[in-house]
Amino acid sequence: AITRGGSTSYADFVKGRFTISRDNTKKAVYLQMNSLKPEDTAVY
């Protein structure tokens, strides 16, 4: 999760692997996912 002020939080199972960010000009939020595991398989 990321607040309108840019504060981020993560579930324990993705800490150190995923990064959430936002671009208010582009009106977009991103999730960079690295070191993916089979258990990450899901609809996001």
Full PDB file with SEQRES, HELIX, SHEET, SSBOND, CRYST1, ORIGX, SCALE, CONECT and MASTER records, all heavy atoms in Angstrom:
SEQRES   1 A   44  ALA ILE THR ARG GLY GLY SER THR SER TYR ALA ASP PHE          
SEQRES   2 A   44  VAL LYS GLY ARG PHE THR ILE SER ARG ASP ASN THR LYS          
SEQRES   3 A   44  LYS ALA VAL TYR LEU GLN MET ASN SER LEU LYS PRO GLU          
SEQRES   4 A   44  ASP THR ALA VAL TYR                                          
HELIX    1 AA1 ASP A   12  VAL A   14  5                                   3    
HELIX    2 AA2 PRO A   38  ASP A   40  5                                   3    
SHEET    1 AA1 2 PHE A  18  ASP A  23  0                                        
SHEET    2 AA1 2 ALA A  28  MET A  33 -1                                        
CRYST1    1.000    1.000    1.000  90.00  90.00  90.00 P 1           1          
ORIGX1      1.000000  0.000000  0.000000        0.00000                         
ORIGX2      0.000000  1.000000  0.000000        0.00000                         
ORIGX3      0.000000  0.000000  1.000000        0.00000                         
SCALE1      1.000000  0.000000  0.000000        0.00000                         
SCALE2      0.000000  1.000000  0.000000        0.00000                         
SCALE3      0.000000  0.000000  1.000000        0.00000                         
ATOM      1  N   ALA A   1       0.834  -1.190   0.000  1.00  0.00           N  
ATOM      2  CA  ALA A   1       0.000   0.000   0.000  1.00  0.00           C  
ATOM      3  C   ALA A   1       0.870   1.241   0.000  1.00  0.00           C  
ATOM      4  O   ALA A   1       2.005   1.229   0.489  1.00  0.00           O  
ATOM      5  CB  ALA A   1      -0.929   0.010   1.213  1.00  0.00           C  
ATOM      6  N   ILE A   2       0.324   2.312  -0.547  1.00  0.00           N  
ATOM      7  CA  ILE A   2       1.008   3.599  -0.550  1.00  0.00           C  
ATOM      8  C   ILE A   2      -0.031   4.687  -0.353  1.00  0.00           C  
ATOM      9  O   ILE A   2      -1.061   4.714  -1.014  1.00  0.00           O  
ATOM     10  CB  ILE A   2       1.828   3.804  -1.850  1.00  0.00           C  
ATOM     11  CG1 ILE A   2       2.625   5.110  -1.779  1.00  0.00           C  
ATOM     12  CG2 ILE A   2       0.941   3.753  -3.082  1.00  0.00           C  
ATOM     13  CD1 ILE A   2       3.675   5.219  -2.885  1.00  0.00           C  
ATOM     14  N   THR A   3       0.236   5.578   0.580  1.00  0.00           N  
ATOM     15  CA  THR A   3      -0.697   6.653   0.868  1.00  0.00           C  
ATOM     16  C   THR A   3      -0.528   7.788  -0.120  1.00  0.00           C  
ATOM     17  O   THR A   3       0.417   7.825  -0.914  1.00  0.00           O  
ATOM     18  CB  THR A   3      -0.495   7.184   2.287  1.00  0.00           C  
ATOM     19  OG1 THR A   3       0.756   7.878   2.355  1.00  0.00           O  
ATOM     20  CG2 THR A   3      -0.510   6.059   3.307  1.00  0.00           C  
ATOM     21  N   ARG A   4      -1.456   8.735  -0.050  1.00  0.00           N  
ATOM     22  CA  ARG A   4      -1.337   9.905  -0.919  1.00  0.00           C  
ATOM     23  C   ARG A   4      -0.082  10.704  -0.605  1.00  0.00           C  
ATOM     24  O   ARG A   4       0.404  11.438  -1.464  1.00  0.00           O  
ATOM     25  CB  ARG A   4      -2.578  10.794  -0.788  1.00  0.00           C  
ATOM     26  CG  ARG A   4      -2.856  11.265   0.629  1.00  0.00           C  
ATOM     27  CD  ARG A   4      -4.110  12.113   0.667  1.00  0.00           C  
ATOM     28  NE  ARG A   4      -4.459  12.511   2.025  1.00  0.00           N  
ATOM     29  CZ  ARG A   4      -5.453  13.310   2.341  1.00  0.00           C  
ATOM     30  NH1 ARG A   4      -6.240  13.797   1.380  1.00  0.00           N  
ATOM     31  NH2 ARG A   4      -5.694  13.610   3.609  1.00  0.00           N  
ATOM     32  N   GLY A   5       0.434  10.559   0.611  1.00  0.00           N  
ATOM     33  CA  GLY A   5       1.667  11.225   0.992  1.00  0.00           C  
ATOM     34  C   GLY A   5       2.923  10.454   0.672  1.00  0.00           C  
ATOM     35  O   GLY A   5       4.025  10.956   0.925  1.00  0.00           O  
ATOM     36  N   GLY A   6       2.787   9.233   0.134  1.00  0.00           N  
ATOM     37  CA  GLY A   6       3.935   8.457  -0.279  1.00  0.00           C  
ATOM     38  C   GLY A   6       4.446   7.455   0.735  1.00  0.00           C  
ATOM     39  O   GLY A   6       5.462   6.789   0.482  1.00  0.00           O  
ATOM     40  N   SER A   7       3.775   7.316   1.865  1.00  0.00           N  
ATOM     41  CA  SER A   7       4.179   6.324   2.855  1.00  0.00           C  
ATOM     42  C   SER A   7       3.800   4.928   2.369  1.00  0.00           C  
ATOM     43  O   SER A   7       2.677   4.706   1.917  1.00  0.00           O  
ATOM     44  CB  SER A   7       3.517   6.619   4.193  1.00  0.00           C  
ATOM     45  OG  SER A   7       3.866   5.655   5.158  1.00  0.00           O  
ATOM     46  N   THR A   8       4.724   3.983   2.465  1.00  0.00           N  
ATOM     47  CA  THR A   8       4.500   2.632   1.951  1.00  0.00           C  
ATOM     48  C   THR A   8       4.470   1.606   3.067  1.00  0.00           C  
ATOM     49  O   THR A   8       5.061   1.786   4.133  1.00  0.00           O  
ATOM     50  CB  THR A   8       5.584   2.227   0.945  1.00  0.00           C  
ATOM     51  OG1 THR A   8       6.862   2.262   1.587  1.00  0.00           O  
ATOM     52  CG2 THR A   8       5.593   3.186  -0.240  1.00  0.00           C  
ATOM     53  N   SER A   9       3.778   0.514   2.800  1.00  0.00           N  
ATOM     54  CA  SER A   9       3.752  -0.630   3.698  1.00  0.00           C  
ATOM     55  C   SER A   9       3.629  -1.889   2.863  1.00  0.00           C  
ATOM     56  O   SER A   9       3.102  -1.864   1.751  1.00  0.00           O  
ATOM     57  CB  SER A   9       2.607  -0.523   4.706  1.00  0.00           C  
ATOM     58  OG  SER A   9       1.350  -0.472   4.049  1.00  0.00           O  
ATOM     59  N   TYR A  10       4.127  -3.007   3.418  1.00  0.00           N  
ATOM     60  CA  TYR A  10       4.180  -4.256   2.678  1.00  0.00           C  
ATOM     61  C   TYR A  10       3.781  -5.423   3.548  1.00  0.00           C  
ATOM     62  O   TYR A  10       4.031  -5.438   4.759  1.00  0.00           O  
ATOM     63  CB  TYR A  10       5.596  -4.512   2.144  1.00  0.00           C  
ATOM     64  CG  TYR A  10       6.091  -3.460   1.191  1.00  0.00           C  
ATOM     65  CD1 TYR A  10       6.796  -2.360   1.646  1.00  0.00           C  
ATOM     66  CD2 TYR A  10       5.847  -3.581  -0.173  1.00  0.00           C  
ATOM     67  CE1 TYR A  10       7.247  -1.392   0.772  1.00  0.00           C  
ATOM     68  CE2 TYR A  10       6.297  -2.618  -1.055  1.00  0.00           C  
ATOM     69  CZ  TYR A  10       6.992  -1.527  -0.584  1.00  0.00           C  
ATOM     70  OH  TYR A  10       7.442  -0.568  -1.467  1.00  0.00           O  
ATOM     71  N   ALA A  11       3.179  -6.413   2.915  1.00  0.00           N  
ATOM     72  CA  ALA A  11       2.965  -7.677   3.588  1.00  0.00           C  
ATOM     73  C   ALA A  11       4.317  -8.339   3.840  1.00  0.00           C  
ATOM     74  O   ALA A  11       5.272  -8.155   3.078  1.00  0.00           O  
ATOM     75  CB  ALA A  11       2.084  -8.586   2.742  1.00  0.00           C  
ATOM     76  N   ASP A  12       4.393  -9.114   4.910  1.00  0.00           N  
ATOM     77  CA  ASP A  12       5.655  -9.747   5.268  1.00  0.00           C  
ATOM     78  C   ASP A  12       6.201 -10.628   4.147  1.00  0.00           C  
ATOM     79  O   ASP A  12       7.424 -10.719   3.958  1.00  0.00           O  
ATOM     80  CB  ASP A  12       5.489 -10.577   6.544  1.00  0.00           C  
ATOM     81  CG  ASP A  12       5.344  -9.724   7.788  1.00  0.00           C  
ATOM     82  OD1 ASP A  12       5.722  -8.544   7.755  1.00  0.00           O  
ATOM     83  OD2 ASP A  12       4.856 -10.257   8.802  1.00  0.00           O  
ATOM     84  N   PHE A  13       5.319 -11.262   3.401  1.00  0.00           N  
ATOM     85  CA  PHE A  13       5.780 -12.227   2.406  1.00  0.00           C  
ATOM     86  C   PHE A  13       6.362 -11.591   1.153  1.00  0.00           C  
ATOM     87  O   PHE A  13       6.873 -12.302   0.286  1.00  0.00           O  
ATOM     88  CB  PHE A  13       4.646 -13.200   2.034  1.00  0.00           C  
ATOM     89  CG  PHE A  13       3.358 -12.554   1.632  1.00  0.00           C  
ATOM     90  CD1 PHE A  13       3.170 -12.069   0.350  1.00  0.00           C  
ATOM     91  CD2 PHE A  13       2.317 -12.443   2.540  1.00  0.00           C  
ATOM     92  CE1 PHE A  13       1.977 -11.481  -0.024  1.00  0.00           C  
ATOM     93  CE2 PHE A  13       1.110 -11.857   2.179  1.00  0.00           C  
ATOM     94  CZ  PHE A  13       0.947 -11.371   0.894  1.00  0.00           C  
ATOM     95  N   VAL A  14       6.313 -10.253   1.046  1.00  0.00           N  
ATOM     96  CA  VAL A  14       6.910  -9.586  -0.117  1.00  0.00           C  
ATOM     97  C   VAL A  14       7.981  -8.576   0.265  1.00  0.00           C  
ATOM     98  O   VAL A  14       8.609  -7.992  -0.630  1.00  0.00           O  
ATOM     99  CB  VAL A  14       5.851  -8.904  -0.992  1.00  0.00           C  
ATOM    100  CG1 VAL A  14       4.809  -9.906  -1.458  1.00  0.00           C  
ATOM    101  CG2 VAL A  14       5.201  -7.738  -0.248  1.00  0.00           C  
ATOM    102  N   LYS A  15       8.215  -8.369   1.545  1.00  0.00           N  
ATOM    103  CA  LYS A  15       9.212  -7.395   1.965  1.00  0.00           C  
ATOM    104  C   LYS A  15      10.585  -7.749   1.401  1.00  0.00           C  
ATOM    105  O   LYS A  15      11.026  -8.884   1.468  1.00  0.00           O  
ATOM    106  CB  LYS A  15       9.277  -7.322   3.489  1.00  0.00           C  
ATOM    107  CG  LYS A  15       8.092  -6.621   4.120  1.00  0.00           C  
ATOM    108  CD  LYS A  15       8.237  -6.537   5.634  1.00  0.00           C  
ATOM    109  CE  LYS A  15       7.062  -5.796   6.251  1.00  0.00           C  
ATOM    110  NZ  LYS A  15       7.148  -5.764   7.729  1.00  0.00           N  
ATOM    111  N   GLY A  16      11.233  -6.746   0.839  1.00  0.00           N  
ATOM    112  CA  GLY A  16      12.535  -6.947   0.245  1.00  0.00           C  
ATOM    113  C   GLY A  16      12.491  -7.410  -1.191  1.00  0.00           C  
ATOM    114  O   GLY A  16      13.538  -7.440  -1.856  1.00  0.00           O  
ATOM    115  N   ARG A  17      11.316  -7.776  -1.691  1.00  0.00           N  
ATOM    116  CA  ARG A  17      11.175  -8.262  -3.060  1.00  0.00           C  
ATOM    117  C   ARG A  17      10.324  -7.336  -3.927  1.00  0.00           C  
ATOM    118  O   ARG A  17      10.613  -7.169  -5.111  1.00  0.00           O  
ATOM    119  CB  ARG A  17      10.561  -9.659  -3.086  1.00  0.00           C  
ATOM    120  CG  ARG A  17      11.384 -10.709  -2.363  1.00  0.00           C  
ATOM    121  CD  ARG A  17      10.837 -12.105  -2.637  1.00  0.00           C  
ATOM    122  NE  ARG A  17       9.478 -12.277  -2.134  1.00  0.00           N  
ATOM    123  CZ  ARG A  17       8.450 -12.699  -2.881  1.00  0.00           C  
ATOM    124  NH1 ARG A  17       8.622 -12.994  -4.162  1.00  0.00           N  
ATOM    125  NH2 ARG A  17       7.246 -12.838  -2.331  1.00  0.00           N  
ATOM    126  N   PHE A  18       9.270  -6.763  -3.349  1.00  0.00           N  
ATOM    127  CA  PHE A  18       8.340  -5.924  -4.099  1.00  0.00           C  
ATOM    128  C   PHE A  18       8.488  -4.466  -3.678  1.00  0.00           C  
ATOM    129  O   PHE A  18       8.797  -4.168  -2.514  1.00  0.00           O  
ATOM    130  CB  PHE A  18       6.887  -6.344  -3.841  1.00  0.00           C  
ATOM    131  CG  PHE A  18       6.499  -7.691  -4.385  1.00  0.00           C  
ATOM    132  CD1 PHE A  18       7.433  -8.561  -4.928  1.00  0.00           C  
ATOM    133  CD2 PHE A  18       5.167  -8.086  -4.347  1.00  0.00           C  
ATOM    134  CE1 PHE A  18       7.066  -9.802  -5.418  1.00  0.00           C  
ATOM    135  CE2 PHE A  18       4.788  -9.322  -4.839  1.00  0.00           C  
ATOM    136  CZ  PHE A  18       5.727 -10.180  -5.371  1.00  0.00           C  
ATOM    137  N   THR A  19       8.227  -3.565  -4.612  1.00  0.00           N  
ATOM    138  CA  THR A  19       8.247  -2.137  -4.338  1.00  0.00           C  
ATOM    139  C   THR A  19       7.026  -1.478  -4.964  1.00  0.00           C  
ATOM    140  O   THR A  19       6.786  -1.637  -6.162  1.00  0.00           O  
ATOM    141  CB  THR A  19       9.518  -1.474  -4.885  1.00  0.00           C  
ATOM    142  OG1 THR A  19      10.675  -2.096  -4.321  1.00  0.00           O  
ATOM    143  CG2 THR A  19       9.528   0.007  -4.529  1.00  0.00           C  
ATOM    144  N   ILE A  20       6.274  -0.751  -4.154  1.00  0.00           N  
ATOM    145  CA  ILE A  20       5.134  -0.005  -4.658  1.00  0.00           C  
ATOM    146  C   ILE A  20       5.535   1.459  -4.816  1.00  0.00           C  
ATOM    147  O   ILE A  20       6.290   1.996  -4.001  1.00  0.00           O  
ATOM    148  CB  ILE A  20       3.907  -0.149  -3.734  1.00  0.00           C  
ATOM    149  CG1 ILE A  20       2.664   0.467  -4.378  1.00  0.00           C  
ATOM    150  CG2 ILE A  20       4.176   0.447  -2.361  1.00  0.00           C  
ATOM    151  CD1 ILE A  20       1.370   0.179  -3.611  1.00  0.00           C  
ATOM    152  N   SER A  21       5.048   2.089  -5.863  1.00  0.00           N  
ATOM    153  CA  SER A  21       5.339   3.493  -6.106  1.00  0.00           C  
ATOM    154  C   SER A  21       4.157   4.127  -6.824  1.00  0.00           C  
ATOM    155  O   SER A  21       3.262   3.429  -7.314  1.00  0.00           O  
ATOM    156  CB  SER A  21       6.624   3.663  -6.927  1.00  0.00           C  
ATOM    157  OG  SER A  21       6.502   3.038  -8.193  1.00  0.00           O  
ATOM    158  N   ARG A  22       4.152   5.444  -6.880  1.00  0.00           N  
ATOM    159  CA  ARG A  22       3.072   6.142  -7.565  1.00  0.00           C  
ATOM    160  C   ARG A  22       3.614   7.352  -8.295  1.00  0.00           C  
ATOM    161  O   ARG A  22       4.643   7.926  -7.928  1.00  0.00           O  
ATOM    162  CB  ARG A  22       1.965   6.550  -6.586  1.00  0.00           C  
ATOM    163  CG  ARG A  22       2.376   7.599  -5.564  1.00  0.00           C  
ATOM    164  CD  ARG A  22       1.299   7.783  -4.492  1.00  0.00           C  
ATOM    165  NE  ARG A  22       0.068   8.332  -5.042  1.00  0.00           N  
ATOM    166  CZ  ARG A  22      -1.127   8.230  -4.464  1.00  0.00           C  
ATOM    167  NH1 ARG A  22      -1.253   7.557  -3.319  1.00  0.00           N  
ATOM    168  NH2 ARG A  22      -2.196   8.777  -5.038  1.00  0.00           N  
ATOM    169  N   ASP A  23       2.906   7.740  -9.329  1.00  0.00           N  
ATOM    170  CA  ASP A  23       3.232   8.917 -10.112  1.00  0.00           C  
ATOM    171  C   ASP A  23       1.945   9.715 -10.243  1.00  0.00           C  
ATOM    172  O   ASP A  23       1.055   9.349 -11.010  1.00  0.00           O  
ATOM    173  CB  ASP A  23       3.779   8.526 -11.487  1.00  0.00           C  
ATOM    174  CG  ASP A  23       4.278   9.719 -12.282  1.00  0.00           C  
ATOM    175  OD1 ASP A  23       3.723  10.826 -12.127  1.00  0.00           O  
ATOM    176  OD2 ASP A  23       5.228   9.547 -13.071  1.00  0.00           O  
ATOM    177  N   ASN A  24       1.838  10.787  -9.488  1.00  0.00           N  
ATOM    178  CA  ASN A  24       0.599  11.551  -9.466  1.00  0.00           C  
ATOM    179  C   ASN A  24       0.353  12.296 -10.781  1.00  0.00           C  
ATOM    180  O   ASN A  24      -0.793  12.580 -11.122  1.00  0.00           O  
ATOM    181  CB  ASN A  24       0.603  12.528  -8.299  1.00  0.00           C  
ATOM    182  CG  ASN A  24       0.476  11.830  -6.959  1.00  0.00           C  
ATOM    183  OD1 ASN A  24       0.090  10.662  -6.884  1.00  0.00           O  
ATOM    184  ND2 ASN A  24       0.790  12.542  -5.885  1.00  0.00           N  
ATOM    185  N   THR A  25       1.426  12.632 -11.493  1.00  0.00           N  
ATOM    186  CA  THR A  25       1.265  13.296 -12.775  1.00  0.00           C  
ATOM    187  C   THR A  25       0.649  12.348 -13.803  1.00  0.00           C  
ATOM    188  O   THR A  25      -0.236  12.736 -14.571  1.00  0.00           O  
ATOM    189  CB  THR A  25       2.611  13.824 -13.292  1.00  0.00           C  
ATOM    190  OG1 THR A  25       3.138  14.776 -12.366  1.00  0.00           O  
ATOM    191  CG2 THR A  25       2.437  14.489 -14.646  1.00  0.00           C  
ATOM    192  N   LYS A  26       1.117  11.108 -13.804  1.00  0.00           N  
ATOM    193  CA  LYS A  26       0.598  10.106 -14.731  1.00  0.00           C  
ATOM    194  C   LYS A  26      -0.635   9.397 -14.192  1.00  0.00           C  
ATOM    195  O   LYS A  26      -1.226   8.576 -14.901  1.00  0.00           O  
ATOM    196  CB  LYS A  26       1.676   9.078 -15.056  1.00  0.00           C  
ATOM    197  CG  LYS A  26       2.875   9.661 -15.769  1.00  0.00           C  
ATOM    198  CD  LYS A  26       3.903   8.589 -16.072  1.00  0.00           C  
ATOM    199  CE  LYS A  26       5.093   9.156 -16.816  1.00  0.00           C  
ATOM    200  NZ  LYS A  26       6.115   8.127 -17.099  1.00  0.00           N  
ATOM    201  N   LYS A  27      -1.010   9.685 -12.961  1.00  0.00           N  
ATOM    202  CA  LYS A  27      -2.157   9.045 -12.322  1.00  0.00           C  
ATOM    203  C   LYS A  27      -2.020   7.531 -12.363  1.00  0.00           C  
ATOM    204  O   LYS A  27      -2.910   6.818 -12.824  1.00  0.00           O  
ATOM    205  CB  LYS A  27      -3.464   9.486 -12.991  1.00  0.00           C  
ATOM    206  CG  LYS A  27      -3.729  10.975 -12.919  1.00  0.00           C  
ATOM    207  CD  LYS A  27      -5.031  11.332 -13.621  1.00  0.00           C  
ATOM    208  CE  LYS A  27      -5.292  12.825 -13.569  1.00  0.00           C  
ATOM    209  NZ  LYS A  27      -6.556  13.181 -14.266  1.00  0.00           N  
ATOM    210  N   ALA A  28      -0.892   7.067 -11.868  1.00  0.00           N  
ATOM    211  CA  ALA A  28      -0.599   5.644 -11.933  1.00  0.00           C  
ATOM    212  C   ALA A  28       0.096   5.174 -10.663  1.00  0.00           C  
ATOM    213  O   ALA A  28       0.789   5.940  -9.990  1.00  0.00           O  
ATOM    214  CB  ALA A  28       0.275   5.337 -13.141  1.00  0.00           C  
ATOM    215  N   VAL A  29      -0.110   3.908 -10.354  1.00  0.00           N  
ATOM    216  CA  VAL A  29       0.589   3.242  -9.267  1.00  0.00           C  
ATOM    217  C   VAL A  29       1.231   1.989  -9.838  1.00  0.00           C  
ATOM    218  O   VAL A  29       0.677   1.361 -10.749  1.00  0.00           O  
ATOM    219  CB  VAL A  29      -0.359   2.918  -8.093  1.00  0.00           C  
ATOM    220  CG1 VAL A  29      -1.462   1.960  -8.524  1.00  0.00           C  
ATOM    221  CG2 VAL A  29       0.417   2.358  -6.917  1.00  0.00           C  
ATOM    222  N   TYR A  30       2.399   1.636  -9.324  1.00  0.00           N  
ATOM    223  CA  TYR A  30       3.167   0.538  -9.870  1.00  0.00           C  
ATOM    224  C   TYR A  30       3.540  -0.447  -8.770  1.00  0.00           C  
ATOM    225  O   TYR A  30       3.651  -0.091  -7.596  1.00  0.00           O  
ATOM    226  CB  TYR A  30       4.452   1.045 -10.531  1.00  0.00           C  
ATOM    227  CG  TYR A  30       4.217   2.146 -11.531  1.00  0.00           C  
ATOM    228  CD1 TYR A  30       4.375   3.478 -11.174  1.00  0.00           C  
ATOM    229  CD2 TYR A  30       3.824   1.852 -12.833  1.00  0.00           C  
ATOM    230  CE1 TYR A  30       4.151   4.489 -12.091  1.00  0.00           C  
ATOM    231  CE2 TYR A  30       3.597   2.858 -13.753  1.00  0.00           C  
ATOM    232  CZ  TYR A  30       3.762   4.176 -13.374  1.00  0.00           C  
ATOM    233  OH  TYR A  30       3.536   5.180 -14.285  1.00  0.00           O  
ATOM    234  N   LEU A  31       3.742  -1.675  -9.174  1.00  0.00           N  
ATOM    235  CA  LEU A  31       4.264  -2.692  -8.276  1.00  0.00           C  
ATOM    236  C   LEU A  31       5.398  -3.409  -8.993  1.00  0.00           C  
ATOM    237  O   LEU A  31       5.159  -4.175  -9.928  1.00  0.00           O  
ATOM    238  CB  LEU A  31       3.180  -3.695  -7.866  1.00  0.00           C  
ATOM    239  CG  LEU A  31       3.604  -4.734  -6.830  1.00  0.00           C  
ATOM    240  CD1 LEU A  31       3.881  -4.057  -5.481  1.00  0.00           C  
ATOM    241  CD2 LEU A  31       2.555  -5.820  -6.670  1.00  0.00           C  
ATOM    242  N   GLN A  32       6.618  -3.123  -8.569  1.00  0.00           N  
ATOM    243  CA  GLN A  32       7.784  -3.809  -9.098  1.00  0.00           C  
ATOM    244  C   GLN A  32       7.988  -5.082  -8.295  1.00  0.00           C  
ATOM    245  O   GLN A  32       8.176  -5.031  -7.081  1.00  0.00           O  
ATOM    246  CB  GLN A  32       9.024  -2.922  -9.012  1.00  0.00           C  
ATOM    247  CG  GLN A  32      10.299  -3.578  -9.513  1.00  0.00           C  
ATOM    248  CD  GLN A  32      10.266  -3.862 -10.994  1.00  0.00           C  
ATOM    249  OE1 GLN A  32       9.885  -2.999 -11.781  1.00  0.00           O  
ATOM    250  NE2 GLN A  32      10.644  -5.079 -11.378  1.00  0.00           N  
ATOM    251  N   MET A  33       7.948  -6.216  -8.959  1.00  0.00           N  
ATOM    252  CA  MET A  33       8.037  -7.512  -8.308  1.00  0.00           C  
ATOM    253  C   MET A  33       9.312  -8.209  -8.768  1.00  0.00           C  
ATOM    254  O   MET A  33       9.466  -8.525  -9.945  1.00  0.00           O  
ATOM    255  CB  MET A  33       6.815  -8.374  -8.621  1.00  0.00           C  
ATOM    256  CG  MET A  33       5.486  -7.711  -8.268  1.00  0.00           C  
ATOM    257  SD  MET A  33       4.065  -8.811  -8.513  1.00  0.00           S  
ATOM    258  CE  MET A  33       4.138  -9.004 -10.301  1.00  0.00           C  
ATOM    259  N   ASN A  34      10.205  -8.443  -7.836  1.00  0.00           N  
ATOM    260  CA  ASN A  34      11.456  -9.131  -8.105  1.00  0.00           C  
ATOM    261  C   ASN A  34      11.505 -10.438  -7.325  1.00  0.00           C  
ATOM    262  O   ASN A  34      10.763 -10.639  -6.369  1.00  0.00           O  
ATOM    263  CB  ASN A  34      12.652  -8.255  -7.722  1.00  0.00           C  
ATOM    264  CG  ASN A  34      12.709  -6.961  -8.487  1.00  0.00           C  
ATOM    265  OD1 ASN A  34      12.373  -6.898  -9.666  1.00  0.00           O  
ATOM    266  ND2 ASN A  34      13.166  -5.895  -7.823  1.00  0.00           N  
ATOM    267  N   SER A  35      12.407 -11.304  -7.735  1.00  0.00           N  
ATOM    268  CA  SER A  35      12.593 -12.591  -7.058  1.00  0.00           C  
ATOM    269  C   SER A  35      11.276 -13.320  -6.873  1.00  0.00           C  
ATOM    270  O   SER A  35      10.956 -13.808  -5.786  1.00  0.00           O  
ATOM    271  CB  SER A  35      13.287 -12.382  -5.706  1.00  0.00           C  
ATOM    272  OG  SER A  35      14.535 -11.750  -5.863  1.00  0.00           O  
ATOM    273  N   LEU A  36      10.514 -13.399  -7.931  1.00  0.00           N  
ATOM    274  CA  LEU A  36       9.181 -13.996  -7.857  1.00  0.00           C  
ATOM    275  C   LEU A  36       9.254 -15.483  -7.535  1.00  0.00           C  
ATOM    276  O   LEU A  36      10.174 -16.187  -7.961  1.00  0.00           O  
ATOM    277  CB  LEU A  36       8.434 -13.770  -9.157  1.00  0.00           C  
ATOM    278  CG  LEU A  36       7.873 -12.359  -9.327  1.00  0.00           C  
ATOM    279  CD1 LEU A  36       7.538 -12.080 -10.786  1.00  0.00           C  
ATOM    280  CD2 LEU A  36       6.639 -12.176  -8.447  1.00  0.00           C  
ATOM    281  N   LYS A  37       8.260 -15.924  -6.775  1.00  0.00           N  
ATOM    282  CA  LYS A  37       8.145 -17.307  -6.350  1.00  0.00           C  
ATOM    283  C   LYS A  37       6.847 -17.895  -6.881  1.00  0.00           C  
ATOM    284  O   LYS A  37       5.890 -17.170  -7.122  1.00  0.00           O  
ATOM    285  CB  LYS A  37       8.163 -17.402  -4.821  1.00  0.00           C  
ATOM    286  CG  LYS A  37       9.353 -16.747  -4.150  1.00  0.00           C  
ATOM    287  CD  LYS A  37       9.197 -16.767  -2.635  1.00  0.00           C  
ATOM    288  CE  LYS A  37      10.368 -16.092  -1.955  1.00  0.00           C  
ATOM    289  NZ  LYS A  37      10.207 -16.097  -0.478  1.00  0.00           N  
ATOM    290  N   PRO A  38       6.782 -19.216  -7.039  1.00  0.00           N  
ATOM    291  CA  PRO A  38       5.528 -19.821  -7.500  1.00  0.00           C  
ATOM    292  C   PRO A  38       4.332 -19.451  -6.623  1.00  0.00           C  
ATOM    293  O   PRO A  38       3.215 -19.301  -7.145  1.00  0.00           O  
ATOM    294  CB  PRO A  38       5.824 -21.325  -7.436  1.00  0.00           C  
ATOM    295  CG  PRO A  38       7.292 -21.411  -7.668  1.00  0.00           C  
ATOM    296  CD  PRO A  38       7.865 -20.208  -6.966  1.00  0.00           C  
ATOM    297  N   GLU A  39       4.536 -19.278  -5.332  1.00  0.00           N  
ATOM    298  CA  GLU A  39       3.438 -18.918  -4.450  1.00  0.00           C  
ATOM    299  C   GLU A  39       2.942 -17.490  -4.648  1.00  0.00           C  
ATOM    300  O   GLU A  39       1.938 -17.093  -4.051  1.00  0.00           O  
ATOM    301  CB  GLU A  39       3.814 -19.142  -2.980  1.00  0.00           C  
ATOM    302  CG  GLU A  39       5.117 -18.477  -2.565  1.00  0.00           C  
ATOM    303  CD  GLU A  39       6.298 -19.433  -2.585  1.00  0.00           C  
ATOM    304  OE1 GLU A  39       6.422 -20.205  -3.564  1.00  0.00           O  
ATOM    305  OE2 GLU A  39       7.096 -19.413  -1.624  1.00  0.00           O  
ATOM    306  N   ASP A  40       3.638 -16.708  -5.477  1.00  0.00           N  
ATOM    307  CA  ASP A  40       3.157 -15.382  -5.834  1.00  0.00           C  
ATOM    308  C   ASP A  40       2.094 -15.436  -6.925  1.00  0.00           C  
ATOM    309  O   ASP A  40       1.504 -14.406  -7.255  1.00  0.00           O  
ATOM    310  CB  ASP A  40       4.310 -14.496  -6.310  1.00  0.00           C  
ATOM    311  CG  ASP A  40       5.310 -14.185  -5.214  1.00  0.00           C  
ATOM    312  OD1 ASP A  40       4.881 -13.956  -4.059  1.00  0.00           O  
ATOM    313  OD2 ASP A  40       6.520 -14.171  -5.506  1.00  0.00           O  
ATOM    314  N   THR A  41       1.869 -16.597  -7.496  1.00  0.00           N  
ATOM    315  CA  THR A  41       0.873 -16.751  -8.550  1.00  0.00           C  
ATOM    316  C   THR A  41      -0.507 -16.368  -8.034  1.00  0.00           C  
ATOM    317  O   THR A  41      -0.982 -16.915  -7.037  1.00  0.00           O  
ATOM    318  CB  THR A  41       0.868 -18.187  -9.072  1.00  0.00           C  
ATOM    319  OG1 THR A  41       2.121 -18.480  -9.691  1.00  0.00           O  
ATOM    320  CG2 THR A  41      -0.244 -18.390 -10.090  1.00  0.00           C  
ATOM    321  N   ALA A  42      -1.147 -15.428  -8.713  1.00  0.00           N  
ATOM    322  CA  ALA A  42      -2.447 -14.930  -8.282  1.00  0.00           C  
ATOM    323  C   ALA A  42      -2.933 -13.897  -9.291  1.00  0.00           C  
ATOM    324  O   ALA A  42      -2.187 -13.470 -10.175  1.00  0.00           O  
ATOM    325  CB  ALA A  42      -2.363 -14.298  -6.895  1.00  0.00           C  
ATOM    326  N   VAL A  43      -4.180 -13.499  -9.133  1.00  0.00           N  
ATOM    327  CA  VAL A  43      -4.680 -12.319  -9.815  1.00  0.00           C  
ATOM    328  C   VAL A  43      -4.385 -11.126  -8.918  1.00  0.00           C  
ATOM    329  O   VAL A  43      -4.733 -11.133  -7.735  1.00  0.00           O  
ATOM    330  CB  VAL A  43      -6.186 -12.408 -10.109  1.00  0.00           C  
ATOM    331  CG1 VAL A  43      -6.684 -11.121 -10.755  1.00  0.00           C  
ATOM    332  CG2 VAL A  43      -6.475 -13.603 -11.012  1.00  0.00           C  
ATOM    333  N   TYR A  44      -3.740 -10.131  -9.476  1.00  0.00           N  
ATOM    334  CA  TYR A  44      -3.370  -8.944  -8.724  1.00  0.00           C  
ATOM    335  C   TYR A  44      -4.323  -7.807  -9.056  1.00  0.00           C  
ATOM    336  O   TYR A  44      -4.580  -7.510 -10.225  1.00  0.00           O  
ATOM    337  CB  TYR A  44      -1.929  -8.538  -9.034  1.00  0.00           C  
ATOM    338  CG  TYR A  44      -0.916  -9.417  -8.345  1.00  0.00           C  
ATOM    339  CD1 TYR A  44      -0.734 -10.736  -8.746  1.00  0.00           C  
ATOM    340  CD2 TYR A  44      -0.153  -8.942  -7.277  1.00  0.00           C  
ATOM    341  CE1 TYR A  44       0.173 -11.561  -8.099  1.00  0.00           C  
ATOM    342  CE2 TYR A  44       0.755  -9.756  -6.628  1.00  0.00           C  
ATOM    343  CZ  TYR A  44       0.914 -11.066  -7.041  1.00  0.00           C  
ATOM    344  OH  TYR A  44       1.826 -11.878  -6.401  1.00  0.00           O  
TER     345      TYR A  44                                                      
MASTER        0    0    0    2    2    0    0    6  344    1    0    4          
END                                                                             
